[in-house]
């Protein structure tokens, strides 16, 4: 079993064949009044978990938003878009099957963003990113990453899986950044700068 924190540095994923990253959040009323607050909680807020497959320094595929299997072989799969944060457990999940990741993919960057206009991290509470060793169909949690409540940014680089020789390493990043909402290029630039 591996246990990951940002301070630990990259962890070897020896023996880990499948890795999942889950994002969860709760809707909040924020500073809205009673009726507006109830409506805001009911409507929820839309955060997005995104996986970016890298070829060297270049992002080449994106899992999330409207792309659930961007490599077309089940190696990087997104669970689908939760637009409210309602529900128990993880609201969105990305799963990597390392054996199927094409050899030209050198890294996968996991990012969460308030990507769509009108969404924001400030309209959500209890944001959490969990990392699971999903080898053999199990889901053993190995990290729980919480972004700072002090940030006014709308993006967070959560973690990065890097190919090292025939194996993989995972680095917890947990760094926020600003993206222009609705702009995929801005999202990619923020993610790969971490």
N, C-alpha and C. Protein backbone atom coordinates (compact mmCIF):
# COMPACT_ATOMS: atom_id res chain seq x y z
N UNK A 1 0.84 -1.19 0.00
CA UNK A 1 0.00 0.00 0.00
C UNK A 1 0.88 1.24 0.00
N UNK A 2 0.45 2.26 -0.76
CA UNK A 2 1.15 3.53 -0.75
C UNK A 2 0.29 4.55 -0.04
N UNK A 3 0.92 5.52 0.59
CA UNK A 3 0.21 6.64 1.19
C UNK A 3 0.89 7.89 0.68
N UNK A 4 0.11 8.83 0.16
CA UNK A 4 0.69 9.97 -0.52
C UNK A 4 0.33 11.29 0.13
N UNK A 5 1.33 12.17 0.22
CA UNK A 5 1.11 13.57 0.57
C UNK A 5 2.01 14.38 -0.35
N UNK A 6 1.73 15.66 -0.43
CA UNK A 6 2.54 16.55 -1.27
C UNK A 6 3.99 16.56 -0.80
N UNK A 7 4.19 16.52 0.50
CA UNK A 7 5.53 16.61 1.08
C UNK A 7 6.37 15.36 0.83
N UNK A 8 5.72 14.24 0.54
CA UNK A 8 6.43 12.98 0.34
C UNK A 8 7.22 12.92 -0.96
N UNK A 9 6.85 13.76 -1.93
CA UNK A 9 7.48 13.68 -3.24
C UNK A 9 6.84 12.55 -4.04
N UNK A 10 7.35 12.29 -5.24
CA UNK A 10 6.76 11.25 -6.09
C UNK A 10 6.84 9.87 -5.45
N UNK A 11 5.75 9.12 -5.55
CA UNK A 11 5.70 7.77 -5.00
C UNK A 11 5.72 6.76 -6.14
N UNK A 12 6.49 5.69 -5.97
CA UNK A 12 6.50 4.60 -6.95
C UNK A 12 5.14 3.92 -6.94
N UNK A 13 4.65 3.62 -8.12
CA UNK A 13 3.38 2.91 -8.25
C UNK A 13 3.61 1.45 -8.60
N UNK A 14 4.75 0.91 -8.16
CA UNK A 14 5.05 -0.51 -8.41
C UNK A 14 3.92 -1.37 -7.87
N UNK A 15 3.40 -2.25 -8.70
CA UNK A 15 2.32 -3.13 -8.28
C UNK A 15 0.94 -2.52 -8.43
N UNK A 16 0.86 -1.22 -8.72
CA UNK A 16 -0.44 -0.56 -8.93
C UNK A 16 -0.76 -0.64 -10.43
N UNK A 17 -1.78 -1.38 -10.79
CA UNK A 17 -2.15 -1.52 -12.20
C UNK A 17 -3.24 -0.54 -12.61
N UNK A 18 -4.08 -0.16 -11.65
CA UNK A 18 -5.18 0.77 -11.90
C UNK A 18 -5.17 1.84 -10.81
N UNK A 19 -5.35 3.07 -11.21
CA UNK A 19 -5.39 4.20 -10.27
C UNK A 19 -6.64 5.01 -10.56
N UNK A 20 -7.35 5.40 -9.51
CA UNK A 20 -8.52 6.27 -9.68
C UNK A 20 -8.33 7.53 -8.86
N UNK A 21 -8.82 8.63 -9.42
CA UNK A 21 -8.84 9.90 -8.70
C UNK A 21 -10.30 10.35 -8.69
N UNK A 22 -10.82 10.61 -7.50
CA UNK A 22 -12.20 11.05 -7.36
C UNK A 22 -12.27 12.47 -6.84
N UNK A 23 -13.22 13.22 -7.34
CA UNK A 23 -13.47 14.58 -6.86
C UNK A 23 -14.86 14.62 -6.23
N UNK A 24 -14.94 15.22 -5.06
CA UNK A 24 -16.25 15.38 -4.42
C UNK A 24 -16.36 16.78 -3.86
N UNK A 25 -17.57 17.29 -3.83
CA UNK A 25 -17.84 18.61 -3.28
C UNK A 25 -19.31 18.70 -2.91
N UNK A 26 -19.61 19.65 -2.06
CA UNK A 26 -20.99 19.91 -1.65
C UNK A 26 -21.40 21.29 -2.12
N UNK A 27 -22.66 21.42 -2.50
CA UNK A 27 -23.20 22.73 -2.85
C UNK A 27 -23.34 23.57 -1.58
N UNK A 28 -23.22 24.87 -1.72
CA UNK A 28 -23.35 25.76 -0.57
C UNK A 28 -24.23 26.95 -0.91
N UNK A 29 -24.83 27.53 0.10
CA UNK A 29 -25.62 28.74 -0.07
C UNK A 29 -24.73 29.97 -0.13
N UNK A 30 -23.47 29.80 0.29
CA UNK A 30 -22.56 30.94 0.32
C UNK A 30 -23.11 32.01 1.24
N UNK A 31 -23.09 33.23 0.79
CA UNK A 31 -23.60 34.34 1.60
C UNK A 31 -25.01 34.74 1.18
N UNK A 32 -25.66 33.86 0.38
CA UNK A 32 -27.02 34.15 -0.07
C UNK A 32 -28.00 34.05 1.09
N UNK A 33 -29.09 34.80 0.99
CA UNK A 33 -30.14 34.78 2.01
C UNK A 33 -30.86 33.45 2.03
N UNK A 34 -31.87 33.36 2.89
CA UNK A 34 -32.56 32.09 3.14
C UNK A 34 -33.13 31.46 1.87
N UNK A 35 -33.99 32.17 1.14
CA UNK A 35 -34.62 31.61 -0.06
C UNK A 35 -33.59 31.42 -1.17
N UNK A 36 -32.79 32.44 -1.42
CA UNK A 36 -31.76 32.34 -2.47
C UNK A 36 -30.75 31.25 -2.12
N UNK A 37 -30.44 31.12 -0.84
CA UNK A 37 -29.51 30.08 -0.40
C UNK A 37 -30.06 28.68 -0.63
N UNK A 38 -31.37 28.49 -0.35
CA UNK A 38 -31.99 27.19 -0.59
C UNK A 38 -31.94 26.84 -2.08
N UNK A 39 -32.24 27.83 -2.91
CA UNK A 39 -32.22 27.60 -4.36
C UNK A 39 -30.80 27.27 -4.81
N UNK A 40 -29.82 28.02 -4.31
CA UNK A 40 -28.43 27.81 -4.70
C UNK A 40 -27.94 26.41 -4.30
N UNK A 41 -28.33 25.95 -3.11
CA UNK A 41 -27.96 24.60 -2.69
C UNK A 41 -28.64 23.55 -3.56
N UNK A 42 -29.92 23.78 -3.90
CA UNK A 42 -30.65 22.81 -4.72
C UNK A 42 -30.06 22.72 -6.12
N UNK A 43 -29.71 23.85 -6.71
CA UNK A 43 -29.13 23.88 -8.05
C UNK A 43 -27.73 23.29 -8.02
N UNK A 44 -26.98 23.55 -6.96
CA UNK A 44 -25.62 23.03 -6.82
C UNK A 44 -24.62 23.84 -7.62
N UNK A 45 -23.41 23.32 -7.70
CA UNK A 45 -22.38 23.97 -8.51
C UNK A 45 -21.64 22.91 -9.30
N UNK A 46 -21.14 23.30 -10.46
CA UNK A 46 -20.53 22.37 -11.39
C UNK A 46 -19.01 22.53 -11.39
N UNK A 47 -18.33 21.60 -10.74
CA UNK A 47 -16.88 21.52 -10.85
C UNK A 47 -16.55 20.38 -11.80
N UNK A 48 -15.38 20.39 -12.38
CA UNK A 48 -15.00 19.37 -13.34
C UNK A 48 -13.65 18.76 -12.99
N UNK A 49 -13.58 17.45 -13.01
CA UNK A 49 -12.33 16.72 -12.86
C UNK A 49 -11.86 16.35 -14.26
N UNK A 50 -10.61 16.65 -14.55
CA UNK A 50 -10.09 16.49 -15.91
C UNK A 50 -8.74 15.79 -15.85
N UNK A 51 -8.52 14.85 -16.75
CA UNK A 51 -7.22 14.20 -16.90
C UNK A 51 -6.61 14.62 -18.22
N UNK A 52 -5.37 15.06 -18.18
CA UNK A 52 -4.70 15.52 -19.40
C UNK A 52 -3.52 14.60 -19.69
N UNK A 53 -3.61 13.88 -20.80
CA UNK A 53 -2.53 12.99 -21.21
C UNK A 53 -1.46 13.83 -21.92
N UNK A 54 -0.22 13.63 -21.48
CA UNK A 54 0.90 14.42 -21.99
C UNK A 54 1.81 13.54 -22.85
N UNK A 55 2.33 14.15 -23.89
CA UNK A 55 3.37 13.54 -24.72
C UNK A 55 4.55 14.49 -24.62
N UNK A 56 5.48 14.17 -23.71
CA UNK A 56 6.54 15.13 -23.40
C UNK A 56 5.92 16.35 -22.74
N UNK A 57 6.21 17.53 -23.28
CA UNK A 57 5.67 18.78 -22.72
C UNK A 57 4.33 19.17 -23.33
N UNK A 58 3.83 18.37 -24.27
CA UNK A 58 2.60 18.73 -24.98
C UNK A 58 1.39 17.95 -24.48
N UNK A 59 0.29 18.65 -24.14
CA UNK A 59 -0.96 17.97 -23.84
C UNK A 59 -1.55 17.44 -25.15
N UNK A 60 -1.93 16.15 -25.19
CA UNK A 60 -2.42 15.58 -26.44
C UNK A 60 -3.83 15.01 -26.35
N UNK A 61 -4.31 14.70 -25.15
CA UNK A 61 -5.67 14.20 -24.97
C UNK A 61 -6.21 14.70 -23.64
N UNK A 62 -7.54 14.90 -23.60
CA UNK A 62 -8.20 15.42 -22.41
C UNK A 62 -9.38 14.51 -22.06
N UNK A 63 -9.39 13.99 -20.82
CA UNK A 63 -10.51 13.17 -20.34
C UNK A 63 -11.34 14.02 -19.39
N UNK A 64 -12.61 14.14 -19.67
CA UNK A 64 -13.49 14.96 -18.85
C UNK A 64 -14.29 15.88 -19.75
N UNK A 65 -15.09 16.72 -19.12
CA UNK A 65 -15.99 17.60 -19.86
C UNK A 65 -16.86 16.73 -20.75
N UNK A 66 -16.61 16.67 -22.06
CA UNK A 66 -17.45 15.85 -22.94
C UNK A 66 -16.68 14.68 -23.55
N UNK A 67 -15.52 14.34 -23.01
CA UNK A 67 -14.70 13.26 -23.52
C UNK A 67 -14.44 12.24 -22.42
N UNK A 68 -15.08 11.07 -22.52
CA UNK A 68 -15.01 10.09 -21.44
C UNK A 68 -13.92 9.03 -21.63
N UNK A 69 -13.48 8.80 -22.87
CA UNK A 69 -12.44 7.80 -23.16
C UNK A 69 -11.57 8.34 -24.30
N UNK A 70 -10.77 9.39 -24.02
CA UNK A 70 -10.07 10.10 -25.10
C UNK A 70 -9.00 9.28 -25.81
N UNK A 71 -8.47 8.23 -25.17
CA UNK A 71 -7.45 7.42 -25.84
C UNK A 71 -8.10 6.24 -26.57
N UNK A 72 -9.40 6.07 -26.39
CA UNK A 72 -10.17 5.10 -27.16
C UNK A 72 -9.92 3.64 -26.82
N UNK A 73 -9.20 3.38 -25.72
CA UNK A 73 -8.92 1.98 -25.39
C UNK A 73 -9.17 1.64 -23.92
N UNK A 74 -9.83 2.54 -23.20
CA UNK A 74 -10.13 2.29 -21.79
C UNK A 74 -8.98 2.54 -20.84
N UNK A 75 -7.91 3.15 -21.33
CA UNK A 75 -6.76 3.40 -20.45
C UNK A 75 -6.92 4.63 -19.58
N UNK A 76 -7.72 5.59 -20.00
CA UNK A 76 -8.00 6.81 -19.23
C UNK A 76 -9.47 7.11 -19.40
N UNK A 77 -10.25 6.78 -18.35
CA UNK A 77 -11.71 6.84 -18.47
C UNK A 77 -12.29 7.76 -17.41
N UNK A 78 -13.22 8.62 -17.84
CA UNK A 78 -13.93 9.56 -16.96
C UNK A 78 -15.34 9.04 -16.72
N UNK A 79 -15.82 9.20 -15.48
CA UNK A 79 -17.14 8.67 -15.09
C UNK A 79 -18.31 9.47 -15.64
N UNK A 80 -18.08 10.71 -16.06
CA UNK A 80 -19.17 11.56 -16.55
C UNK A 80 -19.28 12.83 -15.73
N UNK A 81 -20.00 13.79 -16.25
CA UNK A 81 -20.07 15.14 -15.68
C UNK A 81 -21.18 15.26 -14.64
N UNK A 82 -20.80 15.45 -13.37
CA UNK A 82 -21.75 15.76 -12.32
C UNK A 82 -21.84 17.29 -12.27
N UNK A 83 -23.00 17.84 -12.54
CA UNK A 83 -23.13 19.29 -12.64
C UNK A 83 -23.67 19.96 -11.39
N UNK A 84 -23.80 19.20 -10.30
CA UNK A 84 -24.40 19.78 -9.10
C UNK A 84 -23.59 19.58 -7.83
N UNK A 85 -22.83 18.49 -7.72
CA UNK A 85 -22.16 18.15 -6.47
C UNK A 85 -23.08 17.39 -5.52
N UNK A 86 -24.30 17.09 -5.97
CA UNK A 86 -25.23 16.32 -5.15
C UNK A 86 -24.87 14.85 -5.21
N UNK A 87 -25.09 14.14 -4.13
CA UNK A 87 -24.83 12.71 -4.08
C UNK A 87 -23.75 12.39 -3.07
N UNK A 88 -23.68 11.13 -2.72
CA UNK A 88 -22.68 10.68 -1.75
C UNK A 88 -21.43 10.21 -2.46
N UNK A 89 -20.32 10.28 -1.77
CA UNK A 89 -19.06 9.79 -2.33
C UNK A 89 -18.51 10.72 -3.39
N UNK A 90 -17.73 10.15 -4.30
CA UNK A 90 -17.10 10.95 -5.35
C UNK A 90 -18.12 11.37 -6.39
N UNK A 91 -18.06 12.64 -6.78
CA UNK A 91 -18.99 13.16 -7.78
C UNK A 91 -18.50 12.88 -9.20
N UNK A 92 -17.19 12.90 -9.40
CA UNK A 92 -16.58 12.56 -10.69
C UNK A 92 -15.33 11.73 -10.42
N UNK A 93 -15.05 10.77 -11.30
CA UNK A 93 -13.91 9.87 -11.11
C UNK A 93 -13.17 9.67 -12.44
N UNK A 94 -11.86 9.70 -12.37
CA UNK A 94 -10.99 9.33 -13.50
C UNK A 94 -10.25 8.06 -13.12
N UNK A 95 -10.22 7.09 -14.02
CA UNK A 95 -9.51 5.84 -13.76
C UNK A 95 -8.49 5.59 -14.85
N UNK A 96 -7.28 5.20 -14.42
CA UNK A 96 -6.19 4.90 -15.35
C UNK A 96 -5.87 3.41 -15.25
N UNK A 97 -5.81 2.76 -16.41
CA UNK A 97 -5.32 1.39 -16.52
C UNK A 97 -3.93 1.50 -17.14
N UNK A 98 -2.91 1.45 -16.30
CA UNK A 98 -1.55 1.74 -16.75
C UNK A 98 -1.07 0.81 -17.86
N UNK A 99 -1.49 -0.44 -17.86
CA UNK A 99 -1.04 -1.39 -18.89
C UNK A 99 -1.54 -1.00 -20.28
N UNK A 100 -2.65 -0.28 -20.34
CA UNK A 100 -3.23 0.11 -21.63
C UNK A 100 -2.78 1.49 -22.11
N UNK A 101 -2.11 2.27 -21.25
CA UNK A 101 -1.70 3.63 -21.66
C UNK A 101 -0.67 3.51 -22.78
N UNK A 102 -0.94 4.13 -23.94
CA UNK A 102 0.00 4.04 -25.06
C UNK A 102 1.40 4.52 -24.66
N UNK A 103 2.42 3.91 -25.25
CA UNK A 103 3.80 4.21 -24.92
C UNK A 103 4.22 5.64 -25.16
N UNK A 104 3.51 6.35 -26.04
CA UNK A 104 3.87 7.75 -26.32
C UNK A 104 3.36 8.72 -25.25
N UNK A 105 2.52 8.24 -24.33
CA UNK A 105 2.02 9.09 -23.24
C UNK A 105 3.03 9.02 -22.10
N UNK A 106 3.61 10.17 -21.76
CA UNK A 106 4.67 10.22 -20.75
C UNK A 106 4.17 10.64 -19.37
N UNK A 107 3.00 11.27 -19.31
CA UNK A 107 2.44 11.71 -18.03
C UNK A 107 0.95 11.94 -18.17
N UNK A 108 0.26 11.92 -17.04
CA UNK A 108 -1.16 12.29 -16.99
C UNK A 108 -1.30 13.26 -15.83
N UNK A 109 -1.80 14.46 -16.14
CA UNK A 109 -2.01 15.49 -15.13
C UNK A 109 -3.49 15.51 -14.77
N UNK A 110 -3.78 15.45 -13.49
CA UNK A 110 -5.17 15.46 -13.00
C UNK A 110 -5.48 16.85 -12.46
N UNK A 111 -6.54 17.46 -13.00
CA UNK A 111 -6.88 18.84 -12.69
C UNK A 111 -8.36 18.92 -12.33
N UNK A 112 -8.70 19.80 -11.40
CA UNK A 112 -10.09 20.11 -11.12
C UNK A 112 -10.28 21.58 -11.43
N UNK A 113 -11.43 21.92 -11.99
CA UNK A 113 -11.66 23.30 -12.39
C UNK A 113 -13.13 23.67 -12.28
N UNK A 114 -13.36 24.93 -12.00
CA UNK A 114 -14.68 25.53 -12.15
C UNK A 114 -14.67 26.07 -13.58
N UNK A 115 -14.83 25.15 -14.54
CA UNK A 115 -14.57 25.45 -15.95
C UNK A 115 -15.71 26.22 -16.62
N UNK A 116 -16.93 25.83 -16.30
CA UNK A 116 -18.06 26.45 -16.98
C UNK A 116 -18.41 27.79 -16.36
N UNK A 117 -18.83 28.73 -17.19
CA UNK A 117 -19.18 30.07 -16.72
C UNK A 117 -20.23 29.99 -15.62
N UNK A 118 -20.03 30.77 -14.58
CA UNK A 118 -20.95 30.81 -13.45
C UNK A 118 -20.59 29.85 -12.33
N UNK A 119 -19.70 28.90 -12.59
CA UNK A 119 -19.27 27.99 -11.53
C UNK A 119 -18.05 28.56 -10.84
N UNK A 120 -17.81 28.15 -9.61
CA UNK A 120 -16.62 28.60 -8.89
C UNK A 120 -16.37 27.68 -7.70
N UNK A 121 -15.10 27.61 -7.30
CA UNK A 121 -14.77 26.84 -6.11
C UNK A 121 -15.44 27.46 -4.88
N UNK A 122 -15.68 28.77 -4.90
CA UNK A 122 -16.28 29.44 -3.76
C UNK A 122 -17.76 29.09 -3.61
N UNK A 123 -18.39 28.53 -4.65
CA UNK A 123 -19.78 28.09 -4.57
C UNK A 123 -19.89 26.64 -4.15
N UNK A 124 -18.76 26.07 -3.73
CA UNK A 124 -18.73 24.67 -3.27
C UNK A 124 -18.07 24.63 -1.90
N UNK A 125 -18.38 23.59 -1.15
CA UNK A 125 -17.76 23.36 0.15
C UNK A 125 -17.25 21.93 0.19
N UNK A 126 -16.33 21.70 1.13
CA UNK A 126 -15.82 20.36 1.38
C UNK A 126 -15.26 19.70 0.12
N UNK A 127 -14.52 20.49 -0.67
CA UNK A 127 -13.90 19.95 -1.88
C UNK A 127 -12.79 18.99 -1.47
N UNK A 128 -12.82 17.81 -2.07
CA UNK A 128 -11.85 16.78 -1.74
C UNK A 128 -11.49 16.00 -2.99
N UNK A 129 -10.21 15.68 -3.13
CA UNK A 129 -9.74 14.83 -4.22
C UNK A 129 -9.11 13.59 -3.58
N UNK A 130 -9.67 12.44 -3.87
CA UNK A 130 -9.17 11.20 -3.28
C UNK A 130 -8.45 10.39 -4.36
N UNK A 131 -7.33 9.80 -3.96
CA UNK A 131 -6.57 8.93 -4.85
C UNK A 131 -6.75 7.51 -4.34
N UNK A 132 -7.08 6.59 -5.26
CA UNK A 132 -7.32 5.19 -4.91
C UNK A 132 -6.41 4.27 -5.70
N UNK A 133 -5.87 3.28 -5.02
CA UNK A 133 -5.25 2.15 -5.70
C UNK A 133 -6.42 1.24 -6.08
N UNK A 134 -6.73 1.18 -7.36
CA UNK A 134 -7.88 0.42 -7.83
C UNK A 134 -7.46 -0.91 -8.46
N UNK A 135 -6.29 -1.41 -8.09
CA UNK A 135 -5.77 -2.67 -8.60
C UNK A 135 -6.70 -3.82 -8.20
N UNK A 136 -6.98 -4.69 -9.15
CA UNK A 136 -7.79 -5.87 -8.86
C UNK A 136 -9.24 -5.56 -8.56
N UNK A 137 -9.71 -4.40 -8.98
CA UNK A 137 -11.11 -4.03 -8.75
C UNK A 137 -11.40 -3.47 -7.38
N UNK A 138 -10.37 -3.38 -6.53
CA UNK A 138 -10.58 -2.79 -5.21
C UNK A 138 -10.49 -1.28 -5.31
N UNK A 139 -10.76 -0.58 -4.25
CA UNK A 139 -10.61 0.87 -4.21
C UNK A 139 -10.06 1.25 -2.84
N UNK A 140 -8.76 1.11 -2.70
CA UNK A 140 -8.12 1.44 -1.44
C UNK A 140 -7.60 2.88 -1.51
N UNK A 141 -8.14 3.74 -0.65
CA UNK A 141 -7.74 5.15 -0.65
C UNK A 141 -6.30 5.30 -0.16
N UNK A 142 -5.50 6.04 -0.94
CA UNK A 142 -4.10 6.25 -0.57
C UNK A 142 -3.78 7.73 -0.35
N UNK A 143 -4.70 8.62 -0.71
CA UNK A 143 -4.49 10.05 -0.46
C UNK A 143 -5.83 10.76 -0.45
N UNK A 144 -5.91 11.82 0.35
CA UNK A 144 -7.07 12.70 0.39
C UNK A 144 -6.53 14.12 0.33
N UNK A 145 -6.77 14.79 -0.77
CA UNK A 145 -6.16 16.10 -1.06
C UNK A 145 -7.23 17.18 -0.95
N UNK A 146 -6.96 18.18 -0.13
CA UNK A 146 -7.91 19.27 0.08
C UNK A 146 -7.27 20.59 -0.37
N UNK A 147 -7.89 21.29 -1.34
CA UNK A 147 -7.36 22.60 -1.73
C UNK A 147 -7.65 23.65 -0.64
N UNK A 148 -6.83 24.67 -0.58
CA UNK A 148 -6.98 25.72 0.43
C UNK A 148 -8.28 26.50 0.25
N UNK A 149 -8.93 26.79 1.35
CA UNK A 149 -10.14 27.63 1.32
C UNK A 149 -9.80 29.10 1.07
N UNK A 150 -8.55 29.47 1.22
CA UNK A 150 -8.14 30.87 1.03
C UNK A 150 -7.97 31.25 -0.43
N UNK A 151 -7.89 30.27 -1.31
CA UNK A 151 -7.66 30.55 -2.72
C UNK A 151 -8.90 31.14 -3.38
N UNK A 152 -8.68 32.09 -4.25
CA UNK A 152 -9.76 32.63 -5.08
C UNK A 152 -9.62 32.13 -6.51
N UNK A 153 -8.70 31.18 -6.73
CA UNK A 153 -8.49 30.61 -8.07
C UNK A 153 -9.65 29.69 -8.43
N UNK A 154 -9.75 29.35 -9.72
CA UNK A 154 -10.83 28.48 -10.17
C UNK A 154 -10.30 27.19 -10.81
N UNK A 155 -9.03 26.88 -10.56
CA UNK A 155 -8.46 25.64 -11.04
C UNK A 155 -7.49 25.09 -10.00
N UNK A 156 -7.30 23.77 -10.00
CA UNK A 156 -6.36 23.15 -9.07
C UNK A 156 -5.71 21.95 -9.76
N UNK A 157 -4.39 22.00 -9.89
CA UNK A 157 -3.64 20.83 -10.34
C UNK A 157 -3.57 19.90 -9.14
N UNK A 158 -4.19 18.75 -9.24
CA UNK A 158 -4.34 17.83 -8.11
C UNK A 158 -3.14 16.90 -7.98
N UNK A 159 -2.80 16.21 -9.05
CA UNK A 159 -1.73 15.22 -9.01
C UNK A 159 -1.22 14.98 -10.42
N UNK A 160 -0.06 14.32 -10.50
CA UNK A 160 0.54 14.03 -11.80
C UNK A 160 1.16 12.64 -11.76
N UNK A 161 0.72 11.77 -12.69
CA UNK A 161 1.32 10.45 -12.86
C UNK A 161 2.36 10.56 -13.97
N UNK A 162 3.58 10.10 -13.69
CA UNK A 162 4.68 10.23 -14.65
C UNK A 162 5.26 8.86 -14.97
N UNK A 163 5.47 8.61 -16.26
CA UNK A 163 6.10 7.36 -16.68
C UNK A 163 7.60 7.46 -16.40
N UNK A 164 8.13 6.47 -15.69
CA UNK A 164 9.56 6.41 -15.39
C UNK A 164 10.04 5.01 -15.78
N UNK A 165 10.74 4.93 -16.91
CA UNK A 165 11.16 3.63 -17.42
C UNK A 165 9.94 2.80 -17.76
N UNK A 166 9.85 1.60 -17.19
CA UNK A 166 8.70 0.72 -17.42
C UNK A 166 7.61 0.90 -16.37
N UNK A 167 7.82 1.79 -15.41
CA UNK A 167 6.86 1.99 -14.33
C UNK A 167 6.29 3.40 -14.32
N UNK A 168 5.55 3.68 -13.26
CA UNK A 168 4.91 4.98 -13.09
C UNK A 168 5.17 5.48 -11.68
N UNK A 169 5.19 6.81 -11.53
CA UNK A 169 5.24 7.46 -10.22
C UNK A 169 4.09 8.45 -10.16
N UNK A 170 3.64 8.74 -8.95
CA UNK A 170 2.56 9.71 -8.76
C UNK A 170 3.01 10.78 -7.79
N UNK A 171 2.83 12.03 -8.20
CA UNK A 171 3.18 13.18 -7.38
C UNK A 171 1.90 13.93 -7.02
N UNK A 172 1.67 14.16 -5.73
CA UNK A 172 0.58 15.03 -5.30
C UNK A 172 1.04 16.47 -5.55
N UNK A 173 0.25 17.25 -6.29
CA UNK A 173 0.61 18.63 -6.64
C UNK A 173 -0.15 19.62 -5.75
N UNK A 174 -1.46 19.57 -5.75
CA UNK A 174 -2.34 20.45 -4.95
C UNK A 174 -1.93 21.91 -5.02
N UNK A 175 -1.89 22.44 -6.25
CA UNK A 175 -1.60 23.86 -6.46
C UNK A 175 -2.70 24.48 -7.30
N UNK A 176 -3.21 25.62 -6.83
CA UNK A 176 -4.30 26.29 -7.54
C UNK A 176 -3.75 27.27 -8.58
N UNK A 177 -4.61 27.63 -9.51
CA UNK A 177 -4.25 28.59 -10.54
C UNK A 177 -5.50 29.15 -11.18
N UNK A 178 -5.33 30.22 -11.91
CA UNK A 178 -6.46 30.87 -12.58
C UNK A 178 -6.60 30.36 -14.01
N UNK A 179 -7.85 30.09 -14.40
CA UNK A 179 -8.14 29.76 -15.78
C UNK A 179 -9.26 30.67 -16.27
N UNK A 180 -9.30 30.90 -17.56
CA UNK A 180 -10.41 31.63 -18.16
C UNK A 180 -11.52 30.62 -18.39
N UNK A 181 -12.67 30.83 -17.77
CA UNK A 181 -13.75 29.86 -17.85
C UNK A 181 -14.20 29.65 -19.29
N UNK A 182 -14.40 28.39 -19.62
CA UNK A 182 -14.83 28.02 -20.96
C UNK A 182 -13.71 27.95 -21.98
N UNK A 183 -12.49 28.24 -21.58
CA UNK A 183 -11.34 28.28 -22.49
C UNK A 183 -10.43 27.08 -22.21
N UNK A 184 -10.51 26.05 -23.06
CA UNK A 184 -9.72 24.83 -22.86
C UNK A 184 -8.22 25.11 -22.92
N UNK A 185 -7.79 26.05 -23.76
CA UNK A 185 -6.37 26.38 -23.85
C UNK A 185 -5.86 26.94 -22.52
N UNK A 186 -6.65 27.79 -21.89
CA UNK A 186 -6.29 28.35 -20.59
C UNK A 186 -6.19 27.25 -19.54
N UNK A 187 -7.12 26.31 -19.58
CA UNK A 187 -7.11 25.17 -18.65
C UNK A 187 -5.84 24.34 -18.85
N UNK A 188 -5.50 24.05 -20.08
CA UNK A 188 -4.31 23.25 -20.39
C UNK A 188 -3.04 23.97 -19.94
N UNK A 189 -2.95 25.28 -20.20
CA UNK A 189 -1.75 26.03 -19.82
C UNK A 189 -1.59 26.04 -18.30
N UNK A 190 -2.68 26.20 -17.56
CA UNK A 190 -2.63 26.19 -16.11
C UNK A 190 -2.16 24.82 -15.60
N UNK A 191 -2.70 23.77 -16.19
CA UNK A 191 -2.40 22.43 -15.74
C UNK A 191 -0.94 22.05 -15.99
N UNK A 192 -0.42 22.35 -17.17
CA UNK A 192 0.92 21.89 -17.50
C UNK A 192 2.00 22.79 -16.90
N UNK A 193 1.61 23.93 -16.35
CA UNK A 193 2.60 24.80 -15.71
C UNK A 193 2.93 24.32 -14.30
N UNK A 194 2.17 23.36 -13.79
CA UNK A 194 2.37 22.88 -12.40
C UNK A 194 3.34 21.72 -12.35
